Protein backbone atom coordinates (compact mmCIF):
# COMPACT_ATOMS: atom_id res chain seq x y z
CA MET A 1 1.07 15.64 5.34
CA TYR A 2 2.57 19.08 4.28
CA ARG A 3 0.30 19.85 1.70
CA ASN A 4 0.44 22.91 -0.06
CA TYR A 5 -1.12 25.54 2.26
CA LEU A 6 -1.38 29.15 1.20
CA LYS A 7 -4.40 27.27 -1.13
CA ILE A 8 -5.90 23.46 -0.69
CA ILE A 9 -7.32 22.31 -3.37
CA SER A 10 -10.29 19.42 -2.64
CA ILE A 11 -9.92 17.29 -0.53
CA LEU A 12 -8.46 13.30 -1.37
CA ILE A 13 -11.12 11.25 -2.15
CA PHE A 14 -11.41 7.93 -0.09
CA LYS A 15 -11.33 5.43 -2.78
CA VAL A 16 -9.03 5.21 -5.38
CA SER A 17 -8.62 2.30 -8.08
CA ILE A 18 -5.70 0.62 -8.49
CA ALA A 19 -4.06 -1.49 -11.33
CA GLN A 20 -4.47 -4.93 -11.54
CA GLU A 21 -3.13 -8.41 -14.21
CA THR A 22 -4.37 -11.12 -14.91
CA PRO A 23 -5.65 -13.66 -14.05
CA ILE A 24 -7.85 -11.91 -11.10
CA ASP A 25 -9.38 -14.44 -8.76
CA PHE A 26 -10.41 -11.40 -6.38
CA SER A 27 -8.85 -12.89 -4.02
CA ASN A 28 -7.11 -9.72 -3.74
CA SER A 29 -8.40 -6.11 -2.65
CA ILE A 30 -6.58 -5.12 -5.81
CA ASP A 31 -9.59 -7.66 -7.89
CA ASN A 32 -11.28 -4.08 -8.38
CA PHE A 33 -13.48 -3.33 -10.99
CA ASN A 34 -14.76 -0.05 -11.73
CA VAL A 35 -18.33 0.60 -13.15
CA TRP A 36 -20.57 3.03 -14.56
CA GLY A 37 -24.02 3.18 -16.01
CA GLY A 38 -25.73 2.55 -12.77
CA SER A 39 -24.52 -1.62 -12.43
CA THR A 40 -22.80 -1.66 -8.94
CA PHE A 41 -19.64 -4.47 -7.95
CA THR A 42 -18.34 -6.11 -5.33
CA THR A 43 -16.79 -9.63 -3.64
CA ARG A 44 -18.36 -12.12 -2.22
CA LEU A 45 -18.18 -15.85 -1.65
CA SER A 46 -18.39 -18.40 -4.01
CA PRO A 47 -22.09 -19.78 -3.91
CA THR A 48 -20.32 -23.57 -4.39
CA GLU A 49 -17.04 -23.47 -2.41
CA SER A 50 -17.43 -21.67 1.27
CA ASN A 51 -13.18 -20.21 0.72
CA ASN A 52 -13.25 -19.27 -2.41
CA THR A 53 -14.13 -15.20 -3.05
CA VAL A 54 -15.06 -14.19 -6.41
CA GLY A 55 -16.96 -10.89 -8.40
CA GLU A 56 -20.30 -10.46 -7.66
CA PHE A 57 -22.05 -7.80 -10.57
CA PHE A 58 -24.87 -6.29 -10.20
CA ARG A 59 -27.43 -5.15 -13.90
CA SER A 60 -30.28 -2.78 -12.99
CA ASN A 61 -33.24 -2.60 -15.26
CA SER A 62 -32.15 -0.27 -17.69
CA PRO A 63 -31.38 -0.86 -20.90
CA LEU A 64 -28.32 2.13 -20.99
CA GLU A 65 -25.25 0.37 -21.35
CA GLN A 66 -23.77 -0.37 -18.67
CA GLY A 67 -20.72 -2.90 -17.67
CA TYR A 68 -17.60 -2.87 -15.56
CA TYR A 69 -13.71 -2.16 -16.44
CA ILE A 70 -10.57 -2.90 -14.42
CA ASP A 71 -7.10 -0.77 -15.18
CA LEU A 72 -3.91 -3.57 -15.44
CA THR A 73 -0.68 -2.98 -14.83
CA LYS A 74 0.36 -5.40 -17.31
CA PRO A 75 -1.41 -5.23 -20.44
CA ILE A 76 -3.25 -8.15 -22.57
CA ASP A 77 -1.00 -8.87 -24.89
CA LEU A 78 -3.31 -10.79 -28.19
CA ASP A 79 0.26 -11.34 -30.04
CA VAL A 80 1.57 -13.34 -27.49
CA GLU A 81 -1.86 -15.22 -26.02
CA ASP A 82 -5.55 -14.41 -28.62
CA LYS A 83 -7.83 -16.20 -25.30
CA ILE A 84 -9.34 -14.98 -22.47
CA THR A 85 -11.55 -16.97 -20.60
CA LEU A 86 -13.81 -16.19 -16.46
CA LEU A 87 -15.47 -17.95 -15.21
CA PHE A 88 -19.60 -17.00 -15.07
CA TYR A 89 -22.53 -17.90 -12.61
CA ALA A 90 -26.22 -17.00 -13.47
CA PHE A 91 -29.27 -17.10 -10.61
CA ASP A 92 -31.52 -16.81 -13.11
CA PRO A 93 -32.60 -18.97 -16.02
CA ASN A 94 -32.67 -16.52 -18.69
CA ILE A 95 -29.69 -16.86 -21.56
CA HIS A 96 -27.58 -14.13 -21.41
CA THR A 97 -24.55 -12.80 -23.67
CA VAL A 98 -21.09 -11.54 -21.84
CA ILE A 99 -19.36 -9.13 -24.05
CA VAL A 100 -15.62 -8.85 -23.22
CA LYS A 101 -13.89 -5.90 -24.79
CA LEU A 102 -9.98 -4.75 -24.96
CA GLU A 103 -9.22 -1.60 -24.53
CA ARG A 104 -6.28 1.07 -24.28
CA GLY A 105 -4.75 -0.83 -26.32
CA SER A 106 -1.67 0.25 -29.43
CA ASN A 107 -4.35 -0.49 -32.56
CA PRO A 108 -8.48 -0.33 -31.44
CA ASP A 109 -10.63 -1.39 -29.39
CA LEU A 110 -11.99 -4.29 -29.46
CA GLU A 111 -14.97 -6.98 -28.24
CA VAL A 112 -16.03 -9.82 -28.13
CA GLY A 113 -19.78 -11.45 -26.76
CA LYS A 114 -21.02 -15.26 -25.51
CA THR A 115 -23.90 -16.40 -24.87
CA VAL A 116 -24.90 -19.13 -21.33
CA SER A 117 -27.51 -20.62 -20.81
CA THR A 118 -26.46 -22.49 -17.48
CA HIS A 119 -27.97 -21.39 -13.96
CA ASN A 120 -27.18 -21.32 -10.71
CA ASP A 121 -23.66 -23.43 -11.16
CA TRP A 122 -20.20 -22.67 -12.95
CA THR A 123 -19.77 -22.57 -16.27
CA GLU A 124 -16.97 -21.42 -18.31
CA LEU A 125 -16.24 -18.64 -21.17
CA THR A 126 -13.57 -19.14 -24.04
CA PHE A 127 -13.50 -15.53 -25.80
CA ASP A 128 -10.98 -15.89 -29.22
CA PHE A 129 -10.36 -12.90 -30.05
CA SER A 130 -8.37 -14.45 -33.34
CA THR A 131 -11.60 -14.79 -34.72
CA ILE A 132 -11.44 -11.50 -35.34
CA GLY A 133 -8.33 -10.67 -36.15
CA GLY A 134 -6.93 -9.68 -32.51
CA THR A 135 -3.67 -8.17 -32.27
CA GLY A 136 -2.09 -5.68 -30.25
CA MET A 137 -1.86 -4.68 -26.32
CA TYR A 138 -4.47 -3.84 -24.47
CA ASP A 139 -4.17 -2.40 -20.64
CA ARG A 140 -8.42 -2.14 -19.74
CA LEU A 141 -9.93 -4.81 -20.00
CA THR A 142 -14.22 -4.15 -19.61
CA ILE A 143 -16.80 -7.03 -19.27
CA ARG A 144 -20.83 -5.80 -19.72
CA ILE A 145 -23.95 -8.40 -19.16
CA ASP A 146 -26.58 -7.77 -21.75
CA ASP A 147 -26.44 -5.09 -23.43
CA GLY A 148 -29.46 -3.90 -23.93
CA SER A 149 -32.02 -5.93 -21.58
CA SER A 150 -34.82 -4.35 -18.75
CA VAL A 151 -34.83 -6.88 -16.44
CA SER A 152 -31.91 -6.28 -13.32
CA GLY A 153 -29.34 -8.92 -12.36
CA THR A 154 -26.88 -10.40 -9.91
CA PHE A 155 -24.08 -12.24 -11.90
CA LEU A 156 -20.80 -13.73 -9.90
CA ILE A 157 -17.83 -13.52 -12.10
CA ASP A 158 -14.09 -15.85 -10.99
CA ASN A 159 -10.66 -16.56 -12.31
CA VAL A 160 -10.76 -13.96 -15.22
CA ASN A 161 -7.26 -15.13 -17.07
CA ASP A 162 -5.73 -14.76 -20.12
CA ASN A 163 -3.29 -17.64 -19.22
CA SER A 164 0.40 -15.01 -18.69
CA THR A 165 2.53 -15.18 -15.87
CA PHE A 166 1.03 -13.27 -12.43
CA THR A 167 3.83 -10.87 -11.37
CA ASP A 168 2.55 -8.78 -7.67
CA PRO A 169 2.48 -4.72 -9.23
CA ASN A 170 3.76 -4.56 -5.57
CA ALA A 171 7.47 -7.59 -4.99
CA LEU A 172 9.61 -5.69 -3.25
CA ASP A 173 13.06 -4.74 -5.17
CA VAL A 174 15.51 -5.21 -3.01
CA ILE A 175 14.35 -6.60 0.52
CA TYR A 176 16.78 -5.10 2.92
CA ASN A 177 18.12 -6.57 6.63
CA ASP A 178 19.98 -4.63 8.24
CA LEU A 179 18.86 -3.52 11.12
CA VAL A 180 20.55 0.28 11.06
CA TRP A 181 18.68 2.99 13.23
CA GLY A 182 15.16 2.36 15.44
CA ASP A 183 13.97 3.26 18.56
CA GLU A 184 12.03 0.78 21.28
CA PHE A 185 10.54 3.40 23.50
CA ASN A 186 11.18 1.22 25.91
CA THR A 187 12.51 3.72 28.93
CA ASN A 188 9.80 5.37 30.33
CA GLY A 189 9.64 9.52 30.40
CA SER A 190 11.35 11.22 28.13
CA LEU A 191 11.90 10.74 24.35
CA ASP A 192 15.68 10.27 23.29
CA PHE A 193 16.71 13.48 22.85
CA THR A 194 19.50 11.59 21.08
CA LYS A 195 16.85 9.93 18.40
CA TRP A 196 14.42 12.45 18.55
CA HIS A 197 14.00 16.12 17.85
CA HIS A 198 10.59 18.55 18.95
CA GLN A 199 9.59 20.49 15.36
CA THR A 200 7.91 23.58 17.28
CA GLN A 201 8.26 26.76 15.20
CA VAL A 202 5.09 27.04 13.00
CA ILE A 203 6.04 27.24 9.84
CA ILE A 204 3.48 30.08 8.60
CA PRO A 205 4.85 33.01 11.08
CA GLY A 206 0.77 34.60 12.55
CA VAL A 207 -0.42 31.84 11.03
CA GLY A 208 0.14 28.08 12.03
CA TRP A 209 1.11 25.18 10.00
CA ALA A 210 -0.09 23.59 7.18
CA ASN A 211 -3.42 23.31 5.76
CA ASN A 212 -4.77 25.37 8.14
CA GLU A 213 -3.88 22.78 11.27
CA GLU A 214 -5.74 24.24 14.54
CA GLN A 215 -2.59 22.44 17.14
CA HIS A 216 0.44 24.07 18.26
CA TYR A 217 3.52 20.99 18.27
CA THR A 218 4.39 21.83 21.90
CA SER A 219 7.69 19.83 23.58
CA ARG A 220 6.05 19.16 26.76
CA SER A 221 5.11 15.74 28.28
CA ASP A 222 1.77 16.41 28.19
CA ASN A 223 2.08 15.41 24.20
CA SER A 224 4.58 13.31 23.95
CA PHE A 225 6.27 10.45 26.20
CA VAL A 226 7.30 6.75 26.75
CA ASP A 227 5.53 4.63 28.94
CA ASN A 228 5.16 0.64 29.09
CA GLY A 229 6.95 0.38 25.95
CA PHE A 230 5.25 2.52 23.65
CA LEU A 231 6.09 5.94 22.97
CA ASN A 232 2.53 8.35 22.78
CA ILE A 233 1.63 10.81 20.64
CA VAL A 234 -1.19 13.37 22.52
CA ALA A 235 -3.80 15.59 20.93
CA LYS A 236 -5.46 17.36 23.33
CA LYS A 237 -7.88 20.20 23.44
CA GLU A 238 -7.21 23.41 24.73
CA VAL A 239 -6.26 26.76 24.73
CA TYR A 240 -2.91 27.38 24.40
CA SER A 241 -1.31 30.56 23.11
CA ASP A 242 2.82 30.45 21.72
CA GLN A 243 4.52 32.29 18.96
CA GLY A 244 2.26 35.56 19.49
CA ILE A 245 -0.92 32.33 17.79
CA THR A 246 -3.52 31.37 20.47
CA LYS A 247 -5.24 27.91 19.11
CA ASN A 248 -7.61 26.12 20.67
CA TYR A 249 -5.47 22.03 20.37
CA THR A 250 -1.89 20.65 20.98
CA SER A 251 -0.22 17.89 20.11
CA ALA A 252 3.67 16.43 18.80
CA ARG A 253 5.30 16.43 15.54
CA LEU A 254 8.94 14.41 15.94
CA ASN A 255 11.47 15.12 13.55
CA SER A 256 14.39 11.81 13.61
CA LYS A 257 18.08 13.49 14.20
CA PHE A 258 18.49 10.43 11.79
CA ALA A 259 18.57 10.90 8.27
CA PHE A 260 18.75 7.81 5.11
CA THR A 261 18.74 6.85 1.63
CA TYR A 262 16.95 4.04 0.31
CA GLY A 263 15.90 0.67 3.11
CA ARG A 264 12.56 0.19 5.04
CA VAL A 265 11.58 1.59 7.28
CA ASP A 266 8.23 -0.08 9.49
CA VAL A 267 6.70 1.34 12.25
CA ARG A 268 4.19 -0.68 14.59
CA ALA A 269 1.66 2.17 15.46
CA LYS A 270 -2.57 2.44 16.76
CA LEU A 271 -4.33 5.26 16.25
CA PRO A 272 -6.45 8.33 17.83
CA LEU A 273 -9.81 8.44 17.57
CA GLY A 274 -11.84 11.22 16.74
CA ASP A 275 -13.13 12.50 14.03
CA GLY A 276 -10.66 15.08 13.41
CA THR A 277 -7.47 13.86 14.25
CA TRP A 278 -5.55 13.26 11.76
CA PRO A 279 -2.12 11.54 12.75
CA ALA A 280 0.36 10.81 9.58
CA ILE A 281 3.93 8.90 9.94
CA TRP A 282 6.12 10.46 7.04
CA THR A 283 9.08 11.18 5.86
CA LEU A 284 10.52 14.81 4.33
CA GLY A 285 13.63 15.31 2.28
CA LYS A 286 16.65 16.00 4.62
CA ASN A 287 17.28 19.06 1.95
CA ILE A 288 13.67 20.93 2.95
CA ASN A 289 14.56 24.50 3.89
CA GLU A 290 11.97 24.90 6.76
CA ASP A 291 12.49 26.75 9.49
CA GLY A 292 12.04 25.08 13.15
CA ALA A 293 12.85 21.64 11.35
CA TYR A 294 15.84 20.10 12.78
CA TRP A 295 17.71 18.85 9.54
CA ASP A 296 17.04 22.89 8.50
CA ASN A 297 18.73 23.61 11.95
CA GLN A 298 21.51 22.05 11.27
CA GLY A 299 21.83 23.98 7.79
CA PHE A 300 21.00 21.66 5.34
CA GLY A 301 17.94 23.25 3.99
CA SER A 302 18.81 23.57 0.43
CA VAL A 303 15.44 23.33 -1.33
CA SER A 304 11.32 23.99 -0.64
CA TRP A 305 8.11 21.87 -0.93
CA PRO A 306 7.70 19.24 -2.35
CA ALA A 307 11.19 19.78 -4.35
CA CYS A 308 12.96 17.88 -1.02
CA GLY A 309 10.63 14.82 -1.54
CA GLU A 310 7.48 13.34 1.18
CA ILE A 311 6.64 9.97 1.01
CA ASP A 312 4.03 9.62 3.27
CA ILE A 313 3.59 6.41 5.05
CA MET A 314 0.54 6.57 7.07
CA GLU A 315 -2.60 8.95 7.08
CA HIS A 316 -5.85 8.23 8.56
CA GLY A 317 -7.99 11.30 9.17
CA LEU A 318 -8.50 11.88 5.35
CA GLY A 319 -11.52 10.18 4.70
CA PRO A 320 -13.48 8.07 7.47
CA ILE A 321 -12.61 6.07 10.73
CA ASN A 322 -10.24 2.79 8.89
CA HIS A 323 -9.77 4.51 6.48
CA THR A 324 -5.52 4.70 6.29
CA SER A 325 -3.55 6.21 2.93
CA SER A 326 -0.17 6.47 1.68
CA ALA A 327 1.60 8.84 -0.90
CA LEU A 328 3.73 10.56 -2.35
CA HIS A 329 4.52 14.03 -2.43
CA THR A 330 6.31 15.50 -6.17
CA PRO A 331 7.25 18.25 -7.71
CA SER A 332 5.34 16.69 -10.33
CA SER A 333 2.43 15.81 -8.45
CA PHE A 334 1.25 17.54 -4.75
CA ALA A 335 -1.51 19.03 -3.05
CA ASN A 336 -4.19 16.45 -5.31
CA THR A 337 -1.47 14.50 -5.62
CA ILE A 338 -1.64 12.12 -8.13
CA ASN A 339 0.36 9.25 -6.52
CA LYS A 340 -1.71 7.66 -3.33
CA ALA A 341 -3.26 4.76 -2.95
CA SER A 342 -5.27 3.44 -0.10
CA GLN A 343 -6.16 0.85 2.77
CA GLU A 344 -9.56 -0.03 5.07
CA ILE A 345 -8.53 -1.44 7.78
CA SER A 346 -10.69 -2.48 9.63
CA ASP A 347 -9.20 -1.63 13.30
CA VAL A 348 -7.48 1.09 13.72
CA ALA A 349 -7.55 2.04 16.89
CA ASP A 350 -7.96 -0.80 18.95
CA ASN A 351 -5.27 -2.81 17.62
CA PHE A 352 -1.66 -1.77 16.11
CA HIS A 353 -0.36 -2.39 12.75
CA ILE A 354 3.18 -2.44 10.91
CA TYR A 355 2.94 0.52 9.02
CA SER A 356 6.16 -0.06 5.97
CA VAL A 357 7.34 1.49 3.30
CA ASN A 358 10.37 -0.01 0.84
CA TRP A 359 12.76 2.87 -0.13
CA SER A 360 15.30 0.88 -3.84
CA PRO A 361 16.74 2.92 -6.14
CA ASN A 362 13.69 1.70 -9.00
CA GLN A 363 10.58 1.90 -6.75
CA ILE A 364 8.89 2.42 -2.99
CA THR A 365 6.19 0.20 -1.83
CA PHE A 366 4.09 0.67 1.12
CA LEU A 367 2.87 -1.64 3.14
CA ILE A 368 0.80 -2.63 5.88
CA ASP A 369 1.27 -6.25 8.87
CA GLY A 370 4.03 -6.73 6.00
CA ILE A 371 1.91 -6.83 2.45
CA GLY A 372 2.58 -4.86 -0.37
CA PHE A 373 -0.74 -2.83 -1.40
CA TYR A 374 1.01 0.10 -3.81
CA THR A 375 4.35 1.18 -5.67
CA TYR A 376 5.35 3.95 -6.87
CA ASN A 377 7.44 3.18 -9.82
CA PRO A 378 7.65 6.21 -13.11
CA ASN A 379 9.26 5.83 -16.06
CA ILE A 380 11.12 8.74 -15.90
CA LYS A 381 12.54 9.38 -13.43
CA ASP A 382 13.82 13.14 -12.60
CA LEU A 383 13.51 16.06 -10.73
CA ASN A 384 9.78 16.71 -11.03
CA THR A 385 8.36 12.16 -10.58
CA TRP A 386 11.66 11.19 -8.71
CA PRO A 387 13.90 12.93 -5.29
CA PHE A 388 14.04 10.70 -3.42
CA ASP A 389 17.63 9.59 -4.38
CA LEU A 390 18.56 11.68 -1.69
CA ASP A 391 18.17 11.50 2.11
CA GLN A 392 14.85 10.78 3.51
CA TYR A 393 14.19 11.54 7.73
CA ILE A 394 11.57 10.67 9.23
CA ILE A 395 8.11 12.85 10.97
CA LEU A 396 5.84 11.72 13.60
CA ASN A 397 2.67 13.77 14.67
CA VAL A 398 -1.63 13.88 14.99
CA ALA A 399 -2.46 16.65 13.41
CA MET A 400 -5.59 18.23 14.25
CA GLY A 401 -8.13 19.83 11.62
CA GLY A 402 -7.41 20.32 8.26
CA ILE A 403 -7.92 19.15 5.44
CA SER A 404 -9.13 15.70 7.15
CA GLY A 405 -12.29 17.48 8.29
CA SER A 406 -13.90 18.64 11.39
CA ILE A 407 -13.02 18.06 14.60
CA ASP A 408 -15.39 16.47 16.87
CA PRO A 409 -16.74 19.81 19.68
CA ASP A 410 -16.56 17.14 22.43
CA PHE A 411 -13.17 15.50 21.44
CA LEU A 412 -10.71 15.54 24.20
CA GLN A 413 -8.06 13.90 23.67
CA SER A 414 -5.94 10.45 21.96
CA ASN A 415 -3.26 9.61 21.38
CA MET A 416 -1.13 7.42 18.86
CA VAL A 417 0.22 4.95 20.12
CA ILE A 418 4.09 2.91 18.53
CA ASP A 419 5.48 0.09 19.35
CA TYR A 420 9.16 1.03 17.91
CA VAL A 421 10.08 2.94 14.75
CA ARG A 422 12.90 0.59 12.39
CA VAL A 423 15.12 1.08 9.88
CA TYR A 424 16.61 -1.39 7.72
CA GLN A 425 19.21 -1.54 5.23
CA ASN A 426 21.63 -3.98 3.58
CA ASN A 427 25.15 -3.07 5.47
CA SER A 428 27.13 -6.06 3.75
CA LEU A 429 25.49 -6.64 0.15
CA ASN A 430 27.76 -9.83 -2.09
CA SER A 431 26.81 -11.55 -4.09
CA ASN A 432 26.04 -14.81 -2.22
CA ASP A 433 23.42 -13.20 -0.25
CA TYR A 434 21.20 -12.39 -3.39
CA ASP A 435 21.79 -13.57 -5.82
CA ILE A 436 19.60 -16.29 -5.54
CA THR A 437 18.17 -16.93 -9.01
CA GLY A 438 21.64 -18.53 -9.88
CA THR A 439 22.88 -20.81 -7.36
CA ILE A 440 19.96 -21.26 -5.42
CA LYS A 441 16.33 -21.78 -6.81
CA LEU A 442 13.29 -21.15 -4.54
CA PHE A 443 9.47 -21.50 -6.59
CA PRO A 444 6.91 -20.66 -7.08
CA ASN A 445 7.48 -16.41 -5.39
CA PRO A 446 4.50 -16.05 -4.71
CA ALA A 447 3.53 -18.89 -2.69
CA ARG A 448 0.27 -20.29 -1.04
CA THR A 449 0.34 -23.70 -0.45
CA HIS A 450 4.59 -25.05 -1.10
CA PHE A 451 7.30 -24.10 -2.39
CA LYS A 452 10.64 -26.66 -3.58
CA MET A 453 14.48 -25.81 -3.12
CA SER A 454 16.91 -26.65 -5.72
CA SER A 455 21.30 -26.21 -5.28
CA THR A 456 24.35 -26.89 -6.56
CA SER A 457 25.21 -26.22 -3.06
CA LYS A 458 24.94 -28.90 0.07
CA ILE A 459 22.24 -27.33 1.97
CA ASP A 460 21.73 -28.13 5.88
CA TYR A 461 18.83 -26.41 6.52
CA ILE A 462 15.91 -24.58 5.98
CA GLU A 463 14.55 -21.60 8.21
CA VAL A 464 11.32 -19.00 7.63
CA ASN A 465 11.19 -16.36 9.71
CA ASN A 466 8.15 -14.24 9.64
CA ILE A 467 8.71 -9.99 9.01
CA LEU A 468 9.43 -9.63 13.00
CA GLY A 469 11.97 -12.41 13.04
CA LYS A 470 9.61 -14.72 14.98
CA LEU A 471 10.52 -18.05 13.35
CA MET A 472 7.76 -20.40 12.11
CA LEU A 473 9.58 -23.00 10.80
CA LYS A 474 12.58 -25.14 10.37
CA THR A 475 13.58 -27.24 8.09
CA ASP A 476 16.54 -30.16 6.38
CA ALA A 477 14.21 -32.10 4.19
CA ILE A 478 14.83 -29.49 1.74
CA ASN A 479 14.21 -32.29 -1.07
CA GLU A 480 10.24 -31.96 -0.69
CA PRO A 481 7.67 -29.21 -1.12
CA ILE A 482 8.05 -27.58 2.03
CA ASN A 483 4.30 -26.97 3.87
CA ILE A 484 3.46 -23.83 3.76
CA GLU A 485 -0.16 -23.81 4.23
CA GLY A 486 -0.88 -22.78 8.15
CA LEU A 487 1.27 -19.59 7.35
CA GLN A 488 -0.78 -16.26 7.06
CA THR A 489 -0.71 -14.78 3.91
CA GLY A 490 2.34 -11.98 4.90
CA VAL A 491 5.80 -11.83 3.91
CA TYR A 492 8.78 -14.25 5.03
CA PHE A 493 12.21 -14.43 5.00
CA VAL A 494 13.48 -17.64 3.55
CA THR A 495 17.13 -19.18 5.87
CA ILE A 496 19.20 -21.23 3.77
CA PHE A 497 22.60 -22.86 5.43
CA LEU A 498 24.21 -24.36 3.54
CA GLU A 499 27.92 -26.85 4.01
CA ASN A 500 30.25 -23.41 3.80
CA SER A 501 28.35 -21.40 6.30
CA LYS A 502 27.26 -18.71 4.20
CA THR A 503 23.17 -17.50 4.47
CA THR A 504 20.47 -16.46 1.84
CA LYS A 505 17.51 -14.51 1.97
CA LYS A 506 14.17 -14.72 -0.57
CA LEU A 507 11.75 -13.12 0.25
CA VAL A 508 7.91 -15.55 -0.42
CA ILE A 509 4.57 -14.32 -0.45
CA LYS A 510 2.14 -16.40 0.86
């Protein structure tokens, strides 16, 4: 949100290629292939299984090389497993050649081809790289179909697998359970000023805010108020003069009077409507030298942006409607940052969603409605890549225009509506709470339909709660597989009640 205001390099790209690992079954939005040469890739339901999502590859009639590739977070290691399998489906009766190529490896690129004549049915193909002496690790997998052909075709792919064990690249490494700060916005009227500061002083004297934004921020109740259990941040079209600058829009920008190092932030929000609105939920380092910011006013400002670090939990307006994004700004990546990811949500202005960040000493993971979609974990953590070992504070605001785009000329007013802001940390970490891999085991994790428990201690019963704390199931039948088919995909906490009355929490991702 706090871009380089001296010069905006370019508008953020709308779609981000997110890395994946095998097995690839297209059930997750990150199972996303990139294309070249006129081919296209999308996902669809299998023609033989109504609840199974598969990859659909289209090859144009150009004889030029066409293909599809995906970058892998976990490289394929041919020294451990030298065979790759996949399911292939053709709609036409022609003989097709499928080539799997491994690139960006410790050794030169390798490829193996297979021919298939079956149509209107799935065929399992095995690509044996031992037949060409394949060794080493590779982190790009490329698929080409019918090289040199001038006939277009549509083909389906599923279950691309090197028989390695799947690990979720966005699995949380630390689970934060203790609510340490928040606001439920239960009192109508003004904000709770023991928790929030209105930041109204422009950061560029005589100009305004960063990114050529077109609003003034005010402390008026017209632009921020609490009503019926919700905080409203209101962007309005109106001519407003302040600090010697006249703007055509007003809004509000709130700083939390709470700063913290490590933890989880959950914000349940419904976003404003209108081209040019730019709502954001984000954090800045408490040490930022920014006149008018709450913590700088308290004497903590000592470094400039981006050395303070910035965590953009959610921004909307940098792309099409319903396109939300998250990003990290650091000295090694700012303004047109490379550390970012985006998600498409169908109803950001019509329904509430929970926008979250889980920030540990080792990684920062972004989530929407409890589902992780991007993790930042640089190999080298120094002042350039990781200014995230000091306190950050929360900012809620709605900007207008700037790099988010032109403003709808018919825009008059729209609200970002926030149900709650919650910050979790771990106040009483101990081995009983978090060392589940020892005496207590929960598996598989991630789980799809069932999970099992084993323990050297007597378990009285367990409870499974969603991320909002709602009890989803309770059982003392811990010697049997525990059925979770009725639970939606998401993050859950398993509370284990032992004979000594101790409790332990474990994350389950279905």
